[in-house]
């Protein structure tokens, strides 16, 4: 098992959980503009060690979700900006280039200090 991505959540924007209803979260590194941070799960490091691929496992703490689609800009956006949209819809095609799709499962509530990782 190898670690493709790893980060720690530093803060949760006050509006971030409203996207749970739409089966979606938005990640952004802590240097995001303040007006965007209120909608995002904000994280500190941005350790991307290779390309994210379909079949990888995205973990929120110990809760696992299989990656079902990777938008064409996900790896670049995550690596450079720490920013992607994650949809928990089980889609086999990402609707936007910066979207990572995971299996259609309930979103585990994300808390400050939580680890987010992608493993293969």
PDB file of N, CA and C in Angstrom:
ATOM      1  N   UNK A   1       0.852  -1.173   0.000  1.00  0.00           N
ATOM      2  CA  UNK A   1       0.000   0.000   0.000  1.00  0.00           C
ATOM      3  C   UNK A   1       0.905   1.246   0.000  1.00  0.00           C
ATOM      4  N   UNK A   2       0.622   2.182  -0.926  1.00  0.00           N
ATOM      5  CA  UNK A   2       1.406   3.409  -0.965  1.00  0.00           C
ATOM      6  C   UNK A   2       0.495   4.617  -0.762  1.00  0.00           C
ATOM      7  N   UNK A   3       1.092   5.672  -0.209  1.00  0.00           N
ATOM      8  CA  UNK A   3       0.351   6.898   0.074  1.00  0.00           C
ATOM      9  C   UNK A   3       0.536   7.842  -1.108  1.00  0.00           C
ATOM     10  N   UNK A   4      -0.555   8.145  -1.800  1.00  0.00           N
ATOM     11  CA  UNK A   4      -0.523   9.035  -2.951  1.00  0.00           C
ATOM     12  C   UNK A   4      -0.681  10.485  -2.509  1.00  0.00           C
ATOM     13  N   UNK A   5      -1.490  10.715  -1.479  1.00  0.00           N
ATOM     14  CA  UNK A   5      -1.765  12.075  -1.014  1.00  0.00           C
ATOM     15  C   UNK A   5      -1.979  12.053   0.492  1.00  0.00           C
ATOM     16  N   UNK A   6      -1.563  13.154   1.145  1.00  0.00           N
ATOM     17  CA  UNK A   6      -1.756  13.268   2.582  1.00  0.00           C
ATOM     18  C   UNK A   6      -1.827  14.727   2.979  1.00  0.00           C
ATOM     19  N   UNK A   7      -2.749  15.051   3.892  1.00  0.00           N
ATOM     20  CA  UNK A   7      -2.821  16.386   4.476  1.00  0.00           C
ATOM     21  C   UNK A   7      -3.574  16.330   5.802  1.00  0.00           C
ATOM     22  N   UNK A   8      -3.505  17.422   6.557  1.00  0.00           N
ATOM     23  CA  UNK A   8      -4.263  17.595   7.804  1.00  0.00           C
ATOM     24  C   UNK A   8      -5.200  18.778   7.632  1.00  0.00           C
ATOM     25  N   UNK A   9      -6.417  18.636   8.118  1.00  0.00           N
ATOM     26  CA  UNK A   9      -7.400  19.712   8.069  1.00  0.00           C
ATOM     27  C   UNK A   9      -7.069  20.723   9.171  1.00  0.00           C
ATOM     28  N   UNK A  10      -6.939  22.001   8.781  1.00  0.00           N
ATOM     29  CA  UNK A  10      -6.618  23.035   9.763  1.00  0.00           C
ATOM     30  C   UNK A  10      -7.849  23.819  10.192  1.00  0.00           C
ATOM     31  N   UNK A  11      -8.839  23.930   9.297  1.00  0.00           N
ATOM     32  CA  UNK A  11     -10.077  24.617   9.672  1.00  0.00           C
ATOM     33  C   UNK A  11     -11.198  24.221   8.720  1.00  0.00           C
ATOM     34  N   UNK A  12     -12.408  24.450   9.194  1.00  0.00           N
ATOM     35  CA  UNK A  12     -13.609  24.148   8.419  1.00  0.00           C
ATOM     36  C   UNK A  12     -14.356  25.468   8.236  1.00  0.00           C
ATOM     37  N   UNK A  13     -14.546  25.874   6.990  1.00  0.00           N
ATOM     38  CA  UNK A  13     -15.297  27.094   6.736  1.00  0.00           C
ATOM     39  C   UNK A  13     -16.723  26.961   7.255  1.00  0.00           C
ATOM     40  N   UNK A  14     -17.316  28.047   7.753  1.00  0.00           N
ATOM     41  CA  UNK A  14     -18.654  27.969   8.340  1.00  0.00           C
ATOM     42  C   UNK A  14     -19.734  27.488   7.362  1.00  0.00           C
ATOM     43  N   UNK A  15     -19.501  27.638   6.067  1.00  0.00           N
ATOM     44  CA  UNK A  15     -20.484  27.208   5.070  1.00  0.00           C
ATOM     45  C   UNK A  15     -20.120  25.861   4.428  1.00  0.00           C
ATOM     46  N   UNK A  16     -18.982  25.279   4.800  1.00  0.00           N
ATOM     47  CA  UNK A  16     -18.493  24.050   4.149  1.00  0.00           C
ATOM     48  C   UNK A  16     -19.480  22.888   4.275  1.00  0.00           C
ATOM     49  N   UNK A  17     -20.063  22.719   5.434  1.00  0.00           N
ATOM     50  CA  UNK A  17     -20.969  21.577   5.658  1.00  0.00           C
ATOM     51  C   UNK A  17     -22.269  21.691   4.868  1.00  0.00           C
ATOM     52  N   UNK A  18     -22.599  22.884   4.386  1.00  0.00           N
ATOM     53  CA  UNK A  18     -23.833  23.015   3.595  1.00  0.00           C
ATOM     54  C   UNK A  18     -23.736  22.244   2.285  1.00  0.00           C
ATOM     55  N   UNK A  19     -22.519  21.961   1.832  1.00  0.00           N
ATOM     56  CA  UNK A  19     -22.338  21.195   0.598  1.00  0.00           C
ATOM     57  C   UNK A  19     -22.549  19.699   0.808  1.00  0.00           C
ATOM     58  N   UNK A  20     -22.575  19.240   2.069  1.00  0.00           N
ATOM     59  CA  UNK A  20     -22.810  17.823   2.341  1.00  0.00           C
ATOM     60  C   UNK A  20     -24.131  17.364   1.724  1.00  0.00           C
ATOM     61  N   UNK A  21     -25.141  18.232   1.763  1.00  0.00           N
ATOM     62  CA  UNK A  21     -26.456  17.883   1.187  1.00  0.00           C
ATOM     63  C   UNK A  21     -26.344  17.575  -0.298  1.00  0.00           C
ATOM     64  N   UNK A  22     -25.402  18.233  -0.973  1.00  0.00           N
ATOM     65  CA  UNK A  22     -25.181  18.024  -2.408  1.00  0.00           C
ATOM     66  C   UNK A  22     -24.127  16.953  -2.660  1.00  0.00           C
ATOM     67  N   UNK A  23     -23.754  16.219  -1.593  1.00  0.00           N
ATOM     68  CA  UNK A  23     -22.748  15.155  -1.668  1.00  0.00           C
ATOM     69  C   UNK A  23     -21.432  15.688  -2.217  1.00  0.00           C
ATOM     70  N   UNK A  24     -20.987  16.805  -1.633  1.00  0.00           N
ATOM     71  CA  UNK A  24     -19.805  17.476  -2.152  1.00  0.00           C
ATOM     72  C   UNK A  24     -19.047  18.182  -1.030  1.00  0.00           C
ATOM     73  N   UNK A  25     -17.709  18.229  -1.176  1.00  0.00           N
ATOM     74  CA  UNK A  25     -16.873  19.074  -0.325  1.00  0.00           C
ATOM     75  C   UNK A  25     -15.844  19.757  -1.221  1.00  0.00           C
ATOM     76  N   UNK A  26     -15.340  20.877  -0.740  1.00  0.00           N
ATOM     77  CA  UNK A  26     -14.321  21.624  -1.477  1.00  0.00           C
ATOM     78  C   UNK A  26     -13.084  21.721  -0.596  1.00  0.00           C
ATOM     79  N   UNK A  27     -11.948  21.281  -1.139  1.00  0.00           N
ATOM     80  CA  UNK A  27     -10.670  21.374  -0.423  1.00  0.00           C
ATOM     81  C   UNK A  27      -9.892  22.571  -0.948  1.00  0.00           C
ATOM     82  N   UNK A  28      -9.221  23.266  -0.048  1.00  0.00           N
ATOM     83  CA  UNK A  28      -8.329  24.351  -0.444  1.00  0.00           C
ATOM     84  C   UNK A  28      -7.238  24.465   0.599  1.00  0.00           C
ATOM     85  N   UNK A  29      -6.017  24.720   0.140  1.00  0.00           N
ATOM     86  CA  UNK A  29      -4.905  24.924   1.049  1.00  0.00           C
ATOM     87  C   UNK A  29      -5.114  26.232   1.811  1.00  0.00           C
ATOM     88  N   UNK A  30      -4.467  26.372   2.976  1.00  0.00           N
ATOM     89  CA  UNK A  30      -4.742  27.509   3.850  1.00  0.00           C
ATOM     90  C   UNK A  30      -4.332  28.871   3.300  1.00  0.00           C
ATOM     91  N   UNK A  31      -3.747  28.927   2.116  1.00  0.00           N
ATOM     92  CA  UNK A  31      -3.458  30.221   1.502  1.00  0.00           C
ATOM     93  C   UNK A  31      -4.577  30.653   0.548  1.00  0.00           C
ATOM     94  N   UNK A  32      -5.729  29.991   0.634  1.00  0.00           N
ATOM     95  CA  UNK A  32      -6.890  30.362  -0.179  1.00  0.00           C
ATOM     96  C   UNK A  32      -7.372  31.758   0.198  1.00  0.00           C
ATOM     97  N   UNK A  33      -7.959  32.482  -0.750  1.00  0.00           N
ATOM     98  CA  UNK A  33      -8.545  33.788  -0.414  1.00  0.00           C
ATOM     99  C   UNK A  33      -9.623  33.625   0.660  1.00  0.00           C
ATOM    100  N   UNK A  34      -9.702  34.578   1.572  1.00  0.00           N
ATOM    101  CA  UNK A  34     -10.643  34.507   2.692  1.00  0.00           C
ATOM    102  C   UNK A  34     -12.087  34.296   2.245  1.00  0.00           C
ATOM    103  N   UNK A  35     -12.480  34.942   1.139  1.00  0.00           N
ATOM    104  CA  UNK A  35     -13.864  34.800   0.680  1.00  0.00           C
ATOM    105  C   UNK A  35     -14.181  33.382   0.208  1.00  0.00           C
ATOM    106  N   UNK A  36     -13.159  32.602  -0.122  1.00  0.00           N
ATOM    107  CA  UNK A  36     -13.389  31.199  -0.495  1.00  0.00           C
ATOM    108  C   UNK A  36     -13.307  30.266   0.714  1.00  0.00           C
ATOM    109  N   UNK A  37     -12.475  30.616   1.678  1.00  0.00           N
ATOM    110  CA  UNK A  37     -12.268  29.742   2.842  1.00  0.00           C
ATOM    111  C   UNK A  37     -13.570  29.402   3.561  1.00  0.00           C
ATOM    112  N   UNK A  38     -14.528  30.314   3.578  1.00  0.00           N
ATOM    113  CA  UNK A  38     -15.757  30.042   4.314  1.00  0.00           C
ATOM    114  C   UNK A  38     -16.547  28.872   3.736  1.00  0.00           C
ATOM    115  N   UNK A  39     -16.244  28.468   2.497  1.00  0.00           N
ATOM    116  CA  UNK A  39     -16.946  27.360   1.847  1.00  0.00           C
ATOM    117  C   UNK A  39     -16.111  26.083   1.798  1.00  0.00           C
ATOM    118  N   UNK A  40     -14.910  26.126   2.336  1.00  0.00           N
ATOM    119  CA  UNK A  40     -13.944  25.046   2.111  1.00  0.00           C
ATOM    120  C   UNK A  40     -13.529  24.295   3.379  1.00  0.00           C
ATOM    121  N   UNK A  41     -13.043  23.096   3.127  1.00  0.00           N
ATOM    122  CA  UNK A  41     -12.279  22.335   4.105  1.00  0.00           C
ATOM    123  C   UNK A  41     -10.841  22.789   3.856  1.00  0.00           C
ATOM    124  N   UNK A  42     -10.257  23.474   4.823  1.00  0.00           N
ATOM    125  CA  UNK A  42      -8.941  24.088   4.639  1.00  0.00           C
ATOM    126  C   UNK A  42      -7.882  23.171   5.257  1.00  0.00           C
ATOM    127  N   UNK A  43      -6.779  22.998   4.519  1.00  0.00           N
ATOM    128  CA  UNK A  43      -5.715  22.103   4.987  1.00  0.00           C
ATOM    129  C   UNK A  43      -4.367  22.780   4.859  1.00  0.00           C
ATOM    130  N   UNK A  44      -3.351  22.197   5.536  1.00  0.00           N
ATOM    131  CA  UNK A  44      -2.045  22.837   5.587  1.00  0.00           C
ATOM    132  C   UNK A  44      -1.074  22.293   4.558  1.00  0.00           C
ATOM    133  N   UNK A  45      -0.600  21.100   4.726  1.00  0.00           N
ATOM    134  CA  UNK A  45       0.361  20.574   3.777  1.00  0.00           C
ATOM    135  C   UNK A  45      -0.369  20.081   2.545  1.00  0.00           C
ATOM    136  N   UNK A  46       0.410  19.794   1.559  1.00  0.00           N
ATOM    137  CA  UNK A  46      -0.181  19.348   0.317  1.00  0.00           C
ATOM    138  C   UNK A  46       0.749  18.320  -0.295  1.00  0.00           C
ATOM    139  N   UNK A  47       0.784  17.148   0.304  1.00  0.00           N
ATOM    140  CA  UNK A  47       1.739  16.118  -0.065  1.00  0.00           C
ATOM    141  C   UNK A  47       1.133  15.192  -1.120  1.00  0.00           C
ATOM    142  N   UNK A  48       1.421  15.479  -2.404  1.00  0.00           N
ATOM    143  CA  UNK A  48       0.941  14.661  -3.518  1.00  0.00           C
ATOM    144  C   UNK A  48       2.133  13.908  -4.092  1.00  0.00           C
ATOM    145  N   UNK A  49       2.086  12.584  -3.989  1.00  0.00           N
ATOM    146  CA  UNK A  49       3.192  11.727  -4.413  1.00  0.00           C
ATOM    147  C   UNK A  49       2.758  10.850  -5.579  1.00  0.00           C
ATOM    148  N   UNK A  50       2.515  11.449  -6.722  1.00  0.00           N
ATOM    149  CA  UNK A  50       2.083  10.689  -7.892  1.00  0.00           C
ATOM    150  C   UNK A  50       0.679  11.083  -8.306  1.00  0.00           C
ATOM    151  N   UNK A  51       0.198  10.428  -9.349  1.00  0.00           N
ATOM    152  CA  UNK A  51      -1.117  10.719  -9.924  1.00  0.00           C
ATOM    153  C   UNK A  51      -2.215   9.961  -9.181  1.00  0.00           C
ATOM    154  N   UNK A  52      -3.312  10.646  -8.909  1.00  0.00           N
ATOM    155  CA  UNK A  52      -4.495   9.989  -8.347  1.00  0.00           C
ATOM    156  C   UNK A  52      -5.180   9.244  -9.478  1.00  0.00           C
ATOM    157  N   UNK A  53      -5.615   8.000  -9.213  1.00  0.00           N
ATOM    158  CA  UNK A  53      -6.224   7.169 -10.250  1.00  0.00           C
ATOM    159  C   UNK A  53      -7.516   6.525  -9.751  1.00  0.00           C
ATOM    160  N   UNK A  54      -8.361   6.172 -10.699  1.00  0.00           N
ATOM    161  CA  UNK A  54      -9.572   5.415 -10.385  1.00  0.00           C
ATOM    162  C   UNK A  54      -9.151   4.134  -9.665  1.00  0.00           C
ATOM    163  N   UNK A  55      -9.879   3.800  -8.608  1.00  0.00           N
ATOM    164  CA  UNK A  55      -9.562   2.613  -7.819  1.00  0.00           C
ATOM    165  C   UNK A  55      -8.764   2.926  -6.567  1.00  0.00           C
ATOM    166  N   UNK A  56      -8.135   4.110  -6.512  1.00  0.00           N
ATOM    167  CA  UNK A  56      -7.440   4.522  -5.284  1.00  0.00           C
ATOM    168  C   UNK A  56      -8.481   4.679  -4.168  1.00  0.00           C
ATOM    169  N   UNK A  57      -8.020   4.752  -2.939  1.00  0.00           N
ATOM    170  CA  UNK A  57      -8.908   4.912  -1.782  1.00  0.00           C
ATOM    171  C   UNK A  57      -8.655   6.270  -1.145  1.00  0.00           C
ATOM    172  N   UNK A  58      -9.725   7.068  -1.033  1.00  0.00           N
ATOM    173  CA  UNK A  58      -9.672   8.361  -0.349  1.00  0.00           C
ATOM    174  C   UNK A  58     -10.139   8.120   1.076  1.00  0.00           C
ATOM    175  N   UNK A  59      -9.343   8.547   2.050  1.00  0.00           N
ATOM    176  CA  UNK A  59      -9.694   8.325   3.458  1.00  0.00           C
ATOM    177  C   UNK A  59      -9.917   9.657   4.173  1.00  0.00           C
ATOM    178  N   UNK A  60     -11.011   9.729   4.912  1.00  0.00           N
ATOM    179  CA  UNK A  60     -11.273  10.808   5.849  1.00  0.00           C
ATOM    180  C   UNK A  60     -11.138  10.152   7.215  1.00  0.00           C
ATOM    181  N   UNK A  61     -10.030  10.424   7.903  1.00  0.00           N
ATOM    182  CA  UNK A  61      -9.746   9.677   9.121  1.00  0.00           C
ATOM    183  C   UNK A  61      -9.626   8.202   8.755  1.00  0.00           C
ATOM    184  N   UNK A  62     -10.482   7.366   9.334  1.00  0.00           N
ATOM    185  CA  UNK A  62     -10.463   5.928   9.041  1.00  0.00           C
ATOM    186  C   UNK A  62     -11.561   5.507   8.062  1.00  0.00           C
ATOM    187  N   UNK A  63     -12.403   6.450   7.633  1.00  0.00           N
ATOM    188  CA  UNK A  63     -13.490   6.132   6.709  1.00  0.00           C
ATOM    189  C   UNK A  63     -12.966   6.150   5.279  1.00  0.00           C
ATOM    190  N   UNK A  64     -13.252   5.081   4.525  1.00  0.00           N
ATOM    191  CA  UNK A  64     -12.698   4.923   3.182  1.00  0.00           C
ATOM    192  C   UNK A  64     -13.750   5.059   2.096  1.00  0.00           C
ATOM    193  N   UNK A  65     -13.325   5.666   0.975  1.00  0.00           N
ATOM    194  CA  UNK A  65     -14.162   5.841  -0.208  1.00  0.00           C
ATOM    195  C   UNK A  65     -13.327   5.499  -1.437  1.00  0.00           C
ATOM    196  N   UNK A  66     -13.872   4.705  -2.339  1.00  0.00           N
ATOM    197  CA  UNK A  66     -13.155   4.383  -3.561  1.00  0.00           C
ATOM    198  C   UNK A  66     -13.272   5.533  -4.560  1.00  0.00           C
ATOM    199  N   UNK A  67     -12.168   5.858  -5.223  1.00  0.00           N
ATOM    200  CA  UNK A  67     -12.160   6.873  -6.278  1.00  0.00           C
ATOM    201  C   UNK A  67     -12.787   6.267  -7.521  1.00  0.00           C
ATOM    202  N   UNK A  68     -13.819   6.933  -8.062  1.00  0.00           N
ATOM    203  CA  UNK A  68     -14.524   6.412  -9.242  1.00  0.00           C
ATOM    204  C   UNK A  68     -14.238   7.215 -10.508  1.00  0.00           C
ATOM    205  N   UNK A  69     -13.784   8.465 -10.388  1.00  0.00           N
ATOM    206  CA  UNK A  69     -13.418   9.292 -11.543  1.00  0.00           C
ATOM    207  C   UNK A  69     -12.477  10.397 -11.099  1.00  0.00           C
ATOM    208  N   UNK A  70     -11.556  10.748 -11.994  1.00  0.00           N
ATOM    209  CA  UNK A  70     -10.572  11.798 -11.710  1.00  0.00           C
ATOM    210  C   UNK A  70     -10.638  12.810 -12.849  1.00  0.00           C
ATOM    211  N   UNK A  71     -11.071  14.034 -12.537  1.00  0.00           N
ATOM    212  CA  UNK A  71     -11.121  15.084 -13.546  1.00  0.00           C
ATOM    213  C   UNK A  71      -9.737  15.383 -14.106  1.00  0.00           C
ATOM    214  N   UNK A  72      -9.691  15.893 -15.324  1.00  0.00           N
ATOM    215  CA  UNK A  72      -8.418  16.100 -16.025  1.00  0.00           C
ATOM    216  C   UNK A  72      -7.481  17.099 -15.330  1.00  0.00           C
ATOM    217  N   UNK A  73      -8.008  17.968 -14.458  1.00  0.00           N
ATOM    218  CA  UNK A  73      -7.170  18.957 -13.771  1.00  0.00           C
ATOM    219  C   UNK A  73      -6.957  18.648 -12.290  1.00  0.00           C
ATOM    220  N   UNK A  74      -7.485  17.534 -11.803  1.00  0.00           N
ATOM    221  CA  UNK A  74      -7.404  17.218 -10.365  1.00  0.00           C
ATOM    222  C   UNK A  74      -5.967  17.147  -9.880  1.00  0.00           C
ATOM    223  N   UNK A  75      -5.131  16.373 -10.534  1.00  0.00           N
ATOM    224  CA  UNK A  75      -3.758  16.209 -10.053  1.00  0.00           C
ATOM    225  C   UNK A  75      -2.989  17.529 -10.086  1.00  0.00           C
ATOM    226  N   UNK A  76      -3.148  18.295 -11.147  1.00  0.00           N
ATOM    227  CA  UNK A  76      -2.470  19.590 -11.259  1.00  0.00           C
ATOM    228  C   UNK A  76      -2.992  20.572 -10.215  1.00  0.00           C
ATOM    229  N   UNK A  77      -4.313  20.684 -10.074  1.00  0.00           N
ATOM    230  CA  UNK A  77      -4.891  21.630  -9.115  1.00  0.00           C
ATOM    231  C   UNK A  77      -4.552  21.270  -7.675  1.00  0.00           C
ATOM    232  N   UNK A  78      -4.619  19.986  -7.357  1.00  0.00           N
ATOM    233  CA  UNK A  78      -4.306  19.562  -5.997  1.00  0.00           C
ATOM    234  C   UNK A  78      -2.826  19.796  -5.709  1.00  0.00           C
ATOM    235  N   UNK A  79      -1.971  19.427  -6.649  1.00  0.00           N
ATOM    236  CA  UNK A  79      -0.532  19.600  -6.457  1.00  0.00           C
ATOM    237  C   UNK A  79      -0.104  21.048  -6.343  1.00  0.00           C
ATOM    238  N   UNK A  80      -0.684  21.927  -7.181  1.00  0.00           N
ATOM    239  CA  UNK A  80      -0.264  23.326  -7.209  1.00  0.00           C
ATOM    240  C   UNK A  80      -0.999  24.213  -6.207  1.00  0.00           C
ATOM    241  N   UNK A  81      -2.304  23.992  -6.048  1.00  0.00           N
ATOM    242  CA  UNK A  81      -3.131  24.890  -5.238  1.00  0.00           C
ATOM    243  C   UNK A  81      -3.705  24.240  -3.981  1.00  0.00           C
ATOM    244  N   UNK A  82      -3.651  22.921  -3.928  1.00  0.00           N
ATOM    245  CA  UNK A  82      -4.311  22.230  -2.825  1.00  0.00           C
ATOM    246  C   UNK A  82      -5.820  22.353  -2.932  1.00  0.00           C
ATOM    247  N   UNK A  83      -6.321  22.541  -4.152  1.00  0.00           N
ATOM    248  CA  UNK A  83      -7.745  22.831  -4.363  1.00  0.00           C
ATOM    249  C   UNK A  83      -8.386  21.855  -5.333  1.00  0.00           C
ATOM    250  N   UNK A  84      -9.412  21.142  -4.861  1.00  0.00           N
ATOM    251  CA  UNK A  84     -10.263  20.315  -5.714  1.00  0.00           C
ATOM    252  C   UNK A  84     -11.664  20.269  -5.105  1.00  0.00           C
ATOM    253  N   UNK A  85     -12.606  19.878  -5.926  1.00  0.00           N
ATOM    254  CA  UNK A  85     -13.962  19.582  -5.460  1.00  0.00           C
ATOM    255  C   UNK A  85     -14.085  18.071  -5.416  1.00  0.00           C
ATOM    256  N   UNK A  86     -14.660  17.575  -4.347  1.00  0.00           N
ATOM    257  CA  UNK A  86     -14.870  16.128  -4.203  1.00  0.00           C
ATOM    258  C   UNK A  86     -16.358  15.869  -4.181  1.00  0.00           C
ATOM    259  N   UNK A  87     -16.797  14.988  -5.069  1.00  0.00           N
ATOM    260  CA  UNK A  87     -18.216  14.615  -5.134  1.00  0.00           C
ATOM    261  C   UNK A  87     -18.357  13.154  -4.733  1.00  0.00           C
ATOM    262  N   UNK A  88     -19.276  12.890  -3.849  1.00  0.00           N
ATOM    263  CA  UNK A  88     -19.553  11.537  -3.350  1.00  0.00           C
ATOM    264  C   UNK A  88     -20.765  11.000  -4.111  1.00  0.00           C
ATOM    265  N   UNK A  89     -20.615  10.860  -5.427  1.00  0.00           N
ATOM    266  CA  UNK A  89     -21.753  10.498  -6.280  1.00  0.00           C
ATOM    267  C   UNK A  89     -21.565   9.195  -7.056  1.00  0.00           C
ATOM    268  N   UNK A  90     -20.409   8.564  -6.956  1.00  0.00           N
ATOM    269  CA  UNK A  90     -20.167   7.299  -7.637  1.00  0.00           C
ATOM    270  C   UNK A  90     -20.049   7.402  -9.143  1.00  0.00           C
ATOM    271  N   UNK A  91     -19.954   8.609  -9.668  1.00  0.00           N
ATOM    272  CA  UNK A  91     -19.893   8.804 -11.116  1.00  0.00           C
ATOM    273  C   UNK A  91     -18.599   8.234 -11.690  1.00  0.00           C
ATOM    274  N   UNK A  92     -18.699   7.714 -12.914  1.00  0.00           N
ATOM    275  CA  UNK A  92     -17.507   7.206 -13.595  1.00  0.00           C
ATOM    276  C   UNK A  92     -16.880   8.281 -14.482  1.00  0.00           C
ATOM    277  N   UNK A  93     -17.501   9.463 -14.507  1.00  0.00           N
ATOM    278  CA  UNK A  93     -16.954  10.605 -15.245  1.00  0.00           C
ATOM    279  C   UNK A  93     -17.119  11.863 -14.408  1.00  0.00           C
ATOM    280  N   UNK A  94     -16.021  12.619 -14.272  1.00  0.00           N
ATOM    281  CA  UNK A  94     -16.082  13.875 -13.525  1.00  0.00           C
ATOM    282  C   UNK A  94     -16.776  14.922 -14.383  1.00  0.00           C
ATOM    283  N   UNK A  95     -17.719  15.668 -13.793  1.00  0.00           N
ATOM    284  CA  UNK A  95     -18.452  16.681 -14.558  1.00  0.00           C
ATOM    285  C   UNK A  95     -17.615  17.920 -14.845  1.00  0.00           C
ATOM    286  N   UNK A  96     -16.593  18.173 -14.042  1.00  0.00           N
ATOM    287  CA  UNK A  96     -15.698  19.321 -14.245  1.00  0.00           C
ATOM    288  C   UNK A  96     -14.248  18.852 -14.110  1.00  0.00           C
ATOM    289  N   UNK A  97     -13.305  19.528 -14.762  1.00  0.00           N
ATOM    290  CA  UNK A  97     -11.900  19.094 -14.720  1.00  0.00           C
ATOM    291  C   UNK A  97     -11.296  19.003 -13.327  1.00  0.00           C
ATOM    292  N   UNK A  98     -11.743  19.862 -12.391  1.00  0.00           N
ATOM    293  CA  UNK A  98     -11.175  19.872 -11.043  1.00  0.00           C
ATOM    294  C   UNK A  98     -11.947  19.045 -10.037  1.00  0.00           C
ATOM    295  N   UNK A  99     -12.751  18.089 -10.533  1.00  0.00           N
ATOM    296  CA  UNK A  99     -13.590  17.280  -9.646  1.00  0.00           C
ATOM    297  C   UNK A  99     -13.051  15.857  -9.508  1.00  0.00           C
ATOM    298  N   UNK A 100     -12.986  15.393  -8.271  1.00  0.00           N
ATOM    299  CA  UNK A 100     -12.649  14.008  -7.938  1.00  0.00           C
ATOM    300  C   UNK A 100     -13.931  13.342  -7.480  1.00  0.00           C
ATOM    301  N   UNK A 101     -14.324  12.249  -8.139  1.00  0.00           N
ATOM    302  CA  UNK A 101     -15.547  11.537  -7.767  1.00  0.00           C
ATOM    303  C   UNK A 101     -15.205  10.315  -6.928  1.00  0.00           C
ATOM    304  N   UNK A 102     -15.977  10.143  -5.863  1.00  0.00           N
ATOM    305  CA  UNK A 102     -15.823   9.000  -4.967  1.00  0.00           C
ATOM    306  C   UNK A 102     -17.114   8.206  -4.961  1.00  0.00           C
ATOM    307  N   UNK A 103     -17.036   6.997  -4.415  1.00  0.00           N
ATOM    308  CA  UNK A 103     -18.239   6.165  -4.358  1.00  0.00           C
ATOM    309  C   UNK A 103     -19.369   6.886  -3.642  1.00  0.00           C
ATOM    310  N   UNK A 104     -20.577   6.522  -3.995  1.00  0.00           N
ATOM    311  CA  UNK A 104     -21.784   7.154  -3.457  1.00  0.00           C
ATOM    312  C   UNK A 104     -22.054   6.590  -2.067  1.00  0.00           C
ATOM    313  N   UNK A 105     -21.511   7.272  -1.073  1.00  0.00           N
ATOM    314  CA  UNK A 105     -21.633   6.882   0.328  1.00  0.00           C
ATOM    315  C   UNK A 105     -21.827   8.142   1.140  1.00  0.00           C
ATOM    316  N   UNK A 106     -22.435   8.015   2.303  1.00  0.00           N
ATOM    317  CA  UNK A 106     -22.614   9.167   3.182  1.00  0.00           C
ATOM    318  C   UNK A 106     -21.257   9.779   3.521  1.00  0.00           C
ATOM    319  N   UNK A 107     -21.218  11.110   3.536  1.00  0.00           N
ATOM    320  CA  UNK A 107     -19.978  11.819   3.849  1.00  0.00           C
ATOM    321  C   UNK A 107     -19.767  11.824   5.359  1.00  0.00           C
ATOM    322  N   UNK A 108     -18.607  11.336   5.773  1.00  0.00           N
ATOM    323  CA  UNK A 108     -18.248  11.418   7.189  1.00  0.00           C
ATOM    324  C   UNK A 108     -17.969  12.879   7.496  1.00  0.00           C
ATOM    325  N   UNK A 109     -18.561  13.388   8.566  1.00  0.00           N
ATOM    326  CA  UNK A 109     -18.319  14.779   8.930  1.00  0.00           C
ATOM    327  C   UNK A 109     -16.836  14.987   9.198  1.00  0.00           C
ATOM    328  N   UNK A 110     -16.275  15.981   8.570  1.00  0.00           N
ATOM    329  CA  UNK A 110     -14.853  16.272   8.691  1.00  0.00           C
ATOM    330  C   UNK A 110     -14.643  17.261   9.830  1.00  0.00           C
ATOM    331  N   UNK A 111     -13.629  16.989  10.644  1.00  0.00           N
ATOM    332  CA  UNK A 111     -13.350  17.851  11.787  1.00  0.00           C
ATOM    333  C   UNK A 111     -11.940  18.434  11.684  1.00  0.00           C
ATOM    334  N   UNK A 112     -11.726  19.522  12.385  1.00  0.00           N
ATOM    335  CA  UNK A 112     -10.404  20.137  12.433  1.00  0.00           C
ATOM    336  C   UNK A 112      -9.399  19.132  12.985  1.00  0.00           C
ATOM    337  N   UNK A 113      -8.230  19.056  12.370  1.00  0.00           N
ATOM    338  CA  UNK A 113      -7.196  18.130  12.808  1.00  0.00           C
ATOM    339  C   UNK A 113      -7.264  16.761  12.145  1.00  0.00           C
ATOM    340  N   UNK A 114      -8.353  16.497  11.435  1.00  0.00           N
ATOM    341  CA  UNK A 114      -8.534  15.211  10.759  1.00  0.00           C
ATOM    342  C   UNK A 114      -7.521  15.035   9.628  1.00  0.00           C
ATOM    343  N   UNK A 115      -7.140  13.794   9.365  1.00  0.00           N
ATOM    344  CA  UNK A 115      -6.259  13.520   8.230  1.00  0.00           C
ATOM    345  C   UNK A 115      -7.089  13.143   7.011  1.00  0.00           C
ATOM    346  N   UNK A 116      -6.623  13.607   5.863  1.00  0.00           N
ATOM    347  CA  UNK A 116      -7.186  13.219   4.583  1.00  0.00           C
ATOM    348  C   UNK A 116      -6.061  12.573   3.802  1.00  0.00           C
ATOM    349  N   UNK A 117      -6.310  11.406   3.245  1.00  0.00           N
ATOM    350  CA  UNK A 117      -5.249  10.766   2.473  1.00  0.00           C
ATOM    351  C   UNK A 117      -5.849   9.937   1.343  1.00  0.00           C
ATOM    352  N   UNK A 118      -5.011   9.704   0.365  1.00  0.00           N
ATOM    353  CA  UNK A 118      -5.355   8.821  -0.745  1.00  0.00           C
ATOM    354  C   UNK A 118      -4.295   7.745  -0.779  1.00  0.00           C
ATOM    355  N   UNK A 119      -4.743   6.504  -0.766  1.00  0.00           N
ATOM    356  CA  UNK A 119      -3.811   5.372  -0.768  1.00  0.00           C
ATOM    357  C   UNK A 119      -4.103   4.473  -1.959  1.00  0.00           C
ATOM    358  N   UNK A 120      -3.107   3.702  -2.322  1.00  0.00           N
ATOM    359  CA  UNK A 120      -3.240   2.739  -3.407  1.00  0.00           C
ATOM    360  C   UNK A 120      -2.683   1.417  -2.931  1.00  0.00           C
TER     361      UNK A 120
END
